[in-house]
Amino acid sequence: MENEARSKEKVTRNEELETSTADRGIIPAEVAARMDREGSDYRTTADEQADPESIDVTGGATVDQEGLANNYAIEPEMYYDTPGDASQEAAQDQAHRAQELAEANQDKQGELTMEEDNRGRGPGAV
């Protein structure tokens, strides 16, 4: 009987939900049941990394507005030659992309004449 009263109380209190509902004042039964079942763990992701030096296996974990857990695929560091290669490679890719954008957006003064267009065609092959 106590669980029933607590469940009904949560259904009527919308301040606790933040954005767990699409409609004002109406909480789906699944969400209310999940709130009762999970308690303080409602809408939180697990952080199961035992050692700071170990591989992060919870990097793709998210929780949606109804409290459902999603674990999106990520490529962990263990597939690289040495730990840290992934972040270094991402930084290099970002720098390369910034350089390409700077080259593509350069002002090509004097390369466009009435006879011909000597400007580059962009970073891609034509």
N, C-alpha and C. Protein backbone atom coordinates (compact mmCIF):
# COMPACT_ATOMS: atom_id res chain seq x y z
N MET A 1 0.82 -1.19 0.00
CA MET A 1 0.00 0.00 0.00
C MET A 1 0.87 1.26 0.00
N GLU A 2 2.00 1.19 0.70
CA GLU A 2 2.88 2.35 0.78
C GLU A 2 3.46 2.69 -0.61
N ASN A 3 3.84 1.65 -1.39
CA ASN A 3 4.35 1.88 -2.74
C ASN A 3 3.32 2.56 -3.62
N GLU A 4 2.07 2.14 -3.48
CA GLU A 4 1.00 2.72 -4.28
C GLU A 4 0.85 4.21 -3.99
N ALA A 5 0.89 4.57 -2.72
CA ALA A 5 0.76 5.98 -2.33
C ALA A 5 1.95 6.78 -2.84
N ARG A 6 3.15 6.22 -2.73
CA ARG A 6 4.35 6.91 -3.19
C ARG A 6 4.30 7.11 -4.71
N SER A 7 3.82 6.08 -5.42
CA SER A 7 3.71 6.16 -6.86
C SER A 7 2.72 7.24 -7.27
N LYS A 8 1.59 7.31 -6.60
CA LYS A 8 0.59 8.33 -6.91
C LYS A 8 1.12 9.72 -6.59
N GLU A 9 1.90 9.82 -5.52
CA GLU A 9 2.48 11.11 -5.15
C GLU A 9 3.42 11.59 -6.25
N LYS A 10 4.24 10.71 -6.78
CA LYS A 10 5.18 11.09 -7.83
C LYS A 10 4.46 11.47 -9.11
N VAL A 11 3.34 10.84 -9.39
CA VAL A 11 2.58 11.15 -10.59
C VAL A 11 2.03 12.57 -10.52
N THR A 12 1.67 13.01 -9.34
CA THR A 12 1.09 14.35 -9.23
C THR A 12 2.15 15.44 -9.05
N ARG A 13 3.39 15.09 -8.67
CA ARG A 13 4.44 16.08 -8.49
C ARG A 13 5.31 16.15 -9.73
N ASN A 14 5.16 17.20 -10.51
CA ASN A 14 5.90 17.34 -11.76
C ASN A 14 7.21 18.10 -11.60
N GLU A 15 7.44 18.79 -10.46
CA GLU A 15 8.68 19.54 -10.26
C GLU A 15 9.89 18.60 -10.24
N GLU A 16 9.69 17.38 -9.81
CA GLU A 16 10.77 16.43 -9.66
C GLU A 16 11.26 15.89 -11.00
N LEU A 17 10.45 16.01 -12.04
CA LEU A 17 10.75 15.38 -13.31
C LEU A 17 11.69 16.18 -14.21
N GLU A 18 11.74 17.46 -14.09
CA GLU A 18 12.48 18.37 -14.95
C GLU A 18 11.92 18.32 -16.38
N THR A 19 12.29 17.40 -17.23
CA THR A 19 11.70 17.33 -18.57
C THR A 19 11.35 15.89 -18.93
N SER A 20 10.77 15.15 -18.00
CA SER A 20 10.46 13.75 -18.24
C SER A 20 9.12 13.54 -18.91
N THR A 21 8.48 14.59 -19.31
CA THR A 21 7.15 14.44 -19.89
C THR A 21 6.98 15.40 -21.05
N ALA A 22 6.23 14.99 -22.04
CA ALA A 22 5.96 15.84 -23.18
C ALA A 22 4.76 16.74 -22.91
N ASP A 23 3.91 16.35 -21.98
CA ASP A 23 2.69 17.11 -21.68
C ASP A 23 2.77 17.65 -20.26
N ARG A 24 2.29 18.82 -20.05
CA ARG A 24 2.32 19.46 -18.74
C ARG A 24 1.42 18.71 -17.76
N GLY A 25 1.98 18.22 -16.67
CA GLY A 25 1.19 17.61 -15.61
C GLY A 25 0.84 16.16 -15.80
N ILE A 26 1.13 15.57 -16.95
CA ILE A 26 0.81 14.16 -17.16
C ILE A 26 2.13 13.39 -17.26
N ILE A 27 2.30 12.40 -16.40
CA ILE A 27 3.51 11.59 -16.39
C ILE A 27 3.14 10.19 -16.86
N PRO A 28 3.81 9.67 -17.91
CA PRO A 28 3.50 8.32 -18.35
C PRO A 28 3.74 7.30 -17.24
N ALA A 29 2.95 6.24 -17.23
CA ALA A 29 3.05 5.21 -16.20
C ALA A 29 4.43 4.57 -16.17
N GLU A 30 5.03 4.37 -17.36
CA GLU A 30 6.36 3.75 -17.42
C GLU A 30 7.40 4.62 -16.73
N VAL A 31 7.29 5.93 -16.92
CA VAL A 31 8.25 6.85 -16.32
C VAL A 31 8.08 6.87 -14.80
N ALA A 32 6.84 6.91 -14.33
CA ALA A 32 6.59 6.91 -12.88
C ALA A 32 7.10 5.62 -12.25
N ALA A 33 6.87 4.49 -12.93
CA ALA A 33 7.35 3.20 -12.40
C ALA A 33 8.87 3.17 -12.38
N ARG A 34 9.50 3.70 -13.41
CA ARG A 34 10.97 3.74 -13.46
C ARG A 34 11.52 4.63 -12.36
N MET A 35 10.85 5.76 -12.08
CA MET A 35 11.28 6.64 -11.00
C MET A 35 11.21 5.93 -9.66
N ASP A 36 10.13 5.19 -9.42
CA ASP A 36 10.00 4.43 -8.17
C ASP A 36 11.08 3.36 -8.06
N ARG A 37 11.29 2.64 -9.14
CA ARG A 37 12.21 1.51 -9.13
C ARG A 37 13.67 1.96 -8.98
N GLU A 38 14.05 3.03 -9.69
CA GLU A 38 15.45 3.44 -9.70
C GLU A 38 15.81 4.42 -8.59
N GLY A 39 14.84 5.10 -8.05
CA GLY A 39 15.10 6.01 -6.93
C GLY A 39 16.05 7.13 -7.30
N SER A 40 17.14 7.26 -6.55
CA SER A 40 18.09 8.35 -6.79
C SER A 40 18.93 8.12 -8.04
N ASP A 41 18.92 6.91 -8.60
CA ASP A 41 19.68 6.62 -9.81
C ASP A 41 18.91 6.96 -11.08
N TYR A 42 17.69 7.50 -10.94
CA TYR A 42 16.87 7.84 -12.10
C TYR A 42 17.56 8.90 -12.94
N ARG A 43 17.66 8.66 -14.23
CA ARG A 43 18.28 9.54 -15.22
C ARG A 43 19.76 9.79 -14.95
N THR A 44 20.48 8.80 -14.48
CA THR A 44 21.93 8.91 -14.31
C THR A 44 22.59 7.79 -15.10
N THR A 45 23.82 8.03 -15.53
CA THR A 45 24.57 6.99 -16.23
C THR A 45 25.56 6.36 -15.27
N ALA A 46 25.88 5.11 -15.53
CA ALA A 46 26.83 4.39 -14.68
C ALA A 46 28.25 4.78 -15.04
N ASP A 47 29.08 4.95 -14.04
CA ASP A 47 30.50 5.23 -14.25
C ASP A 47 31.27 4.07 -13.63
N GLU A 48 31.53 3.06 -14.42
CA GLU A 48 32.13 1.83 -13.91
C GLU A 48 33.62 1.74 -14.15
N GLN A 49 34.28 2.87 -14.36
CA GLN A 49 35.71 2.86 -14.61
C GLN A 49 36.44 2.69 -13.28
N ALA A 50 37.05 1.52 -13.10
CA ALA A 50 37.68 1.19 -11.83
C ALA A 50 38.97 1.98 -11.60
N ASP A 51 39.78 2.13 -12.63
CA ASP A 51 41.08 2.76 -12.51
C ASP A 51 41.15 3.91 -13.51
N PRO A 52 41.68 5.06 -13.14
CA PRO A 52 41.77 6.18 -14.09
C PRO A 52 42.61 5.84 -15.33
N GLU A 53 43.50 4.86 -15.22
CA GLU A 53 44.34 4.47 -16.34
C GLU A 53 43.65 3.46 -17.26
N SER A 54 42.52 2.90 -16.82
CA SER A 54 41.85 1.87 -17.62
C SER A 54 41.06 2.49 -18.77
N ILE A 55 40.60 1.65 -19.67
CA ILE A 55 39.85 2.09 -20.84
C ILE A 55 38.46 2.56 -20.43
N ASP A 56 38.01 3.67 -21.00
CA ASP A 56 36.68 4.21 -20.70
C ASP A 56 35.65 3.44 -21.53
N VAL A 57 34.86 2.61 -20.88
CA VAL A 57 33.86 1.81 -21.58
C VAL A 57 32.47 2.43 -21.51
N THR A 58 32.33 3.53 -20.80
CA THR A 58 31.02 4.18 -20.67
C THR A 58 30.96 5.49 -21.43
N GLY A 59 31.84 5.69 -22.39
CA GLY A 59 31.89 6.95 -23.12
C GLY A 59 30.66 7.23 -23.95
N GLY A 60 29.96 6.22 -24.44
CA GLY A 60 28.79 6.43 -25.26
C GLY A 60 27.49 6.33 -24.52
N ALA A 61 27.54 6.24 -23.20
CA ALA A 61 26.32 6.06 -22.41
C ALA A 61 25.59 7.39 -22.24
N THR A 62 24.30 7.38 -22.56
CA THR A 62 23.45 8.55 -22.37
C THR A 62 22.12 8.10 -21.77
N VAL A 63 21.33 9.04 -21.28
CA VAL A 63 20.01 8.75 -20.75
C VAL A 63 19.05 9.74 -21.39
N ASP A 64 17.95 9.24 -21.96
CA ASP A 64 16.99 10.14 -22.60
C ASP A 64 16.06 10.78 -21.58
N GLN A 65 15.11 11.60 -22.04
CA GLN A 65 14.26 12.35 -21.11
C GLN A 65 13.31 11.47 -20.32
N GLU A 66 13.07 10.25 -20.77
CA GLU A 66 12.21 9.33 -20.02
C GLU A 66 12.99 8.42 -19.10
N GLY A 67 14.30 8.58 -19.06
CA GLY A 67 15.13 7.78 -18.17
C GLY A 67 15.64 6.49 -18.78
N LEU A 68 15.43 6.29 -20.08
CA LEU A 68 15.92 5.08 -20.74
C LEU A 68 17.40 5.24 -21.06
N ALA A 69 18.18 4.20 -20.78
CA ALA A 69 19.61 4.24 -21.02
C ALA A 69 19.91 3.86 -22.46
N ASN A 70 20.82 4.61 -23.08
CA ASN A 70 21.32 4.32 -24.42
C ASN A 70 22.83 4.19 -24.31
N ASN A 71 23.39 3.22 -24.98
CA ASN A 71 24.84 3.07 -24.97
C ASN A 71 25.30 3.06 -26.42
N TYR A 72 25.68 4.22 -26.92
CA TYR A 72 26.10 4.36 -28.31
C TYR A 72 27.53 3.86 -28.47
N ALA A 73 27.81 3.32 -29.64
CA ALA A 73 29.13 2.75 -29.91
C ALA A 73 30.18 3.84 -30.00
N ILE A 74 31.30 3.59 -29.37
CA ILE A 74 32.47 4.45 -29.50
C ILE A 74 33.66 3.55 -29.77
N GLU A 75 34.69 4.10 -30.36
CA GLU A 75 35.88 3.29 -30.61
C GLU A 75 36.86 3.51 -29.46
N PRO A 76 37.03 2.50 -28.61
CA PRO A 76 37.91 2.70 -27.46
C PRO A 76 39.37 2.77 -27.86
N GLU A 77 40.18 3.31 -26.97
CA GLU A 77 41.61 3.49 -27.21
C GLU A 77 42.35 2.18 -27.45
N MET A 78 41.77 1.06 -27.05
CA MET A 78 42.52 -0.20 -27.15
C MET A 78 42.77 -0.62 -28.59
N TYR A 79 42.09 -0.01 -29.56
CA TYR A 79 42.29 -0.37 -30.96
C TYR A 79 43.40 0.45 -31.61
N TYR A 80 44.06 1.30 -30.86
CA TYR A 80 45.15 2.12 -31.38
C TYR A 80 46.47 1.57 -30.88
N ASP A 81 47.55 1.96 -31.55
CA ASP A 81 48.88 1.45 -31.20
C ASP A 81 49.27 1.80 -29.76
N THR A 82 49.14 3.04 -29.41
CA THR A 82 49.46 3.47 -28.05
C THR A 82 48.30 4.29 -27.50
N PRO A 83 48.03 4.22 -26.21
CA PRO A 83 46.95 5.03 -25.63
C PRO A 83 47.18 6.52 -25.88
N GLY A 84 46.16 7.22 -26.27
CA GLY A 84 46.28 8.64 -26.56
C GLY A 84 46.34 8.94 -28.05
N ASP A 85 46.51 7.91 -28.88
CA ASP A 85 46.56 8.13 -30.32
C ASP A 85 45.24 8.67 -30.87
N ALA A 86 44.13 8.24 -30.31
CA ALA A 86 42.82 8.67 -30.82
C ALA A 86 42.64 10.17 -30.65
N SER A 87 42.97 10.71 -29.49
CA SER A 87 42.81 12.14 -29.28
C SER A 87 43.81 12.93 -30.11
N GLN A 88 45.01 12.39 -30.27
CA GLN A 88 46.02 13.06 -31.09
C GLN A 88 45.58 13.07 -32.56
N GLU A 89 45.04 11.97 -33.03
CA GLU A 89 44.57 11.88 -34.40
C GLU A 89 43.38 12.82 -34.63
N ALA A 90 42.48 12.92 -33.66
CA ALA A 90 41.34 13.82 -33.77
C ALA A 90 41.81 15.28 -33.83
N ALA A 91 42.80 15.62 -33.03
CA ALA A 91 43.33 16.99 -33.04
C ALA A 91 43.99 17.30 -34.38
N GLN A 92 44.71 16.32 -34.94
CA GLN A 92 45.34 16.51 -36.25
C GLN A 92 44.29 16.68 -37.33
N ASP A 93 43.24 15.88 -37.30
CA ASP A 93 42.16 16.00 -38.28
C ASP A 93 41.49 17.36 -38.19
N GLN A 94 41.26 17.84 -36.98
CA GLN A 94 40.63 19.13 -36.79
C GLN A 94 41.52 20.26 -37.33
N ALA A 95 42.82 20.17 -37.08
CA ALA A 95 43.75 21.19 -37.58
C ALA A 95 43.81 21.16 -39.10
N HIS A 96 43.81 19.95 -39.67
CA HIS A 96 43.85 19.80 -41.13
C HIS A 96 42.59 20.38 -41.76
N ARG A 97 41.43 20.13 -41.13
CA ARG A 97 40.16 20.65 -41.65
C ARG A 97 40.13 22.18 -41.56
N ALA A 98 40.66 22.74 -40.48
CA ALA A 98 40.71 24.19 -40.34
C ALA A 98 41.60 24.80 -41.41
N GLN A 99 42.71 24.13 -41.73
CA GLN A 99 43.61 24.61 -42.78
C GLN A 99 42.93 24.55 -44.14
N GLU A 100 42.21 23.47 -44.42
CA GLU A 100 41.48 23.35 -45.68
C GLU A 100 40.43 24.45 -45.83
N LEU A 101 39.70 24.73 -44.74
CA LEU A 101 38.69 25.78 -44.78
C LEU A 101 39.32 27.15 -45.00
N ALA A 102 40.46 27.39 -44.38
CA ALA A 102 41.15 28.67 -44.57
C ALA A 102 41.60 28.82 -46.02
N GLU A 103 42.11 27.74 -46.62
CA GLU A 103 42.53 27.79 -48.02
C GLU A 103 41.34 27.99 -48.95
N ALA A 104 40.24 27.31 -48.66
CA ALA A 104 39.05 27.43 -49.52
C ALA A 104 38.43 28.82 -49.43
N ASN A 105 38.58 29.48 -48.30
CA ASN A 105 37.96 30.80 -48.11
C ASN A 105 38.91 31.96 -48.40
N GLN A 106 40.11 31.68 -48.89
CA GLN A 106 41.05 32.74 -49.19
C GLN A 106 40.55 33.59 -50.35
N ASP A 107 40.87 34.86 -50.28
CA ASP A 107 40.51 35.78 -51.35
C ASP A 107 41.53 35.59 -52.48
N LYS A 108 41.08 35.26 -53.66
CA LYS A 108 41.96 34.97 -54.79
C LYS A 108 42.05 36.20 -55.70
N GLN A 109 42.68 37.26 -55.18
CA GLN A 109 42.82 38.50 -55.94
C GLN A 109 43.67 38.28 -57.18
N GLY A 110 43.21 38.74 -58.32
CA GLY A 110 43.99 38.71 -59.55
C GLY A 110 43.92 37.41 -60.34
N GLU A 111 43.30 36.39 -59.80
CA GLU A 111 43.25 35.10 -60.52
C GLU A 111 42.00 34.96 -61.37
N LEU A 112 41.10 35.91 -61.29
CA LEU A 112 39.90 35.90 -62.11
C LEU A 112 39.98 37.07 -63.07
N THR A 113 40.08 36.76 -64.35
CA THR A 113 40.13 37.80 -65.37
C THR A 113 38.99 37.58 -66.36
N MET A 114 38.86 38.48 -67.31
CA MET A 114 37.80 38.33 -68.31
C MET A 114 38.06 37.13 -69.22
N GLU A 115 39.32 36.74 -69.38
CA GLU A 115 39.66 35.64 -70.28
C GLU A 115 39.59 34.27 -69.61
N GLU A 116 40.05 34.19 -68.36
CA GLU A 116 40.09 32.88 -67.70
C GLU A 116 39.93 33.00 -66.18
N ASP A 117 39.66 31.86 -65.57
CA ASP A 117 39.50 31.76 -64.12
C ASP A 117 40.57 30.81 -63.61
N ASN A 118 41.60 31.32 -62.93
CA ASN A 118 42.71 30.52 -62.43
C ASN A 118 42.58 30.18 -60.95
N ARG A 119 41.40 30.45 -60.40
CA ARG A 119 41.21 30.13 -58.99
C ARG A 119 41.08 28.62 -58.80
N GLY A 120 41.39 28.15 -57.60
CA GLY A 120 41.26 26.73 -57.28
C GLY A 120 39.80 26.31 -57.26
N ARG A 121 39.56 25.05 -57.45
CA ARG A 121 38.20 24.53 -57.48
C ARG A 121 37.75 23.99 -56.12
N GLY A 122 38.52 24.22 -55.08
CA GLY A 122 38.17 23.74 -53.75
C GLY A 122 39.02 22.56 -53.35
N PRO A 123 38.83 22.05 -52.17
CA PRO A 123 39.66 20.97 -51.65
C PRO A 123 39.40 19.62 -52.32
N GLY A 124 38.27 19.45 -52.96
CA GLY A 124 37.94 18.16 -53.58
C GLY A 124 38.48 18.05 -54.99
N ALA A 125 38.53 16.82 -55.49
CA ALA A 125 38.97 16.59 -56.87
C ALA A 125 37.78 16.78 -57.80
N VAL A 126 38.04 17.41 -58.95
CA VAL A 126 36.96 17.66 -59.92
C VAL A 126 37.07 16.66 -61.05
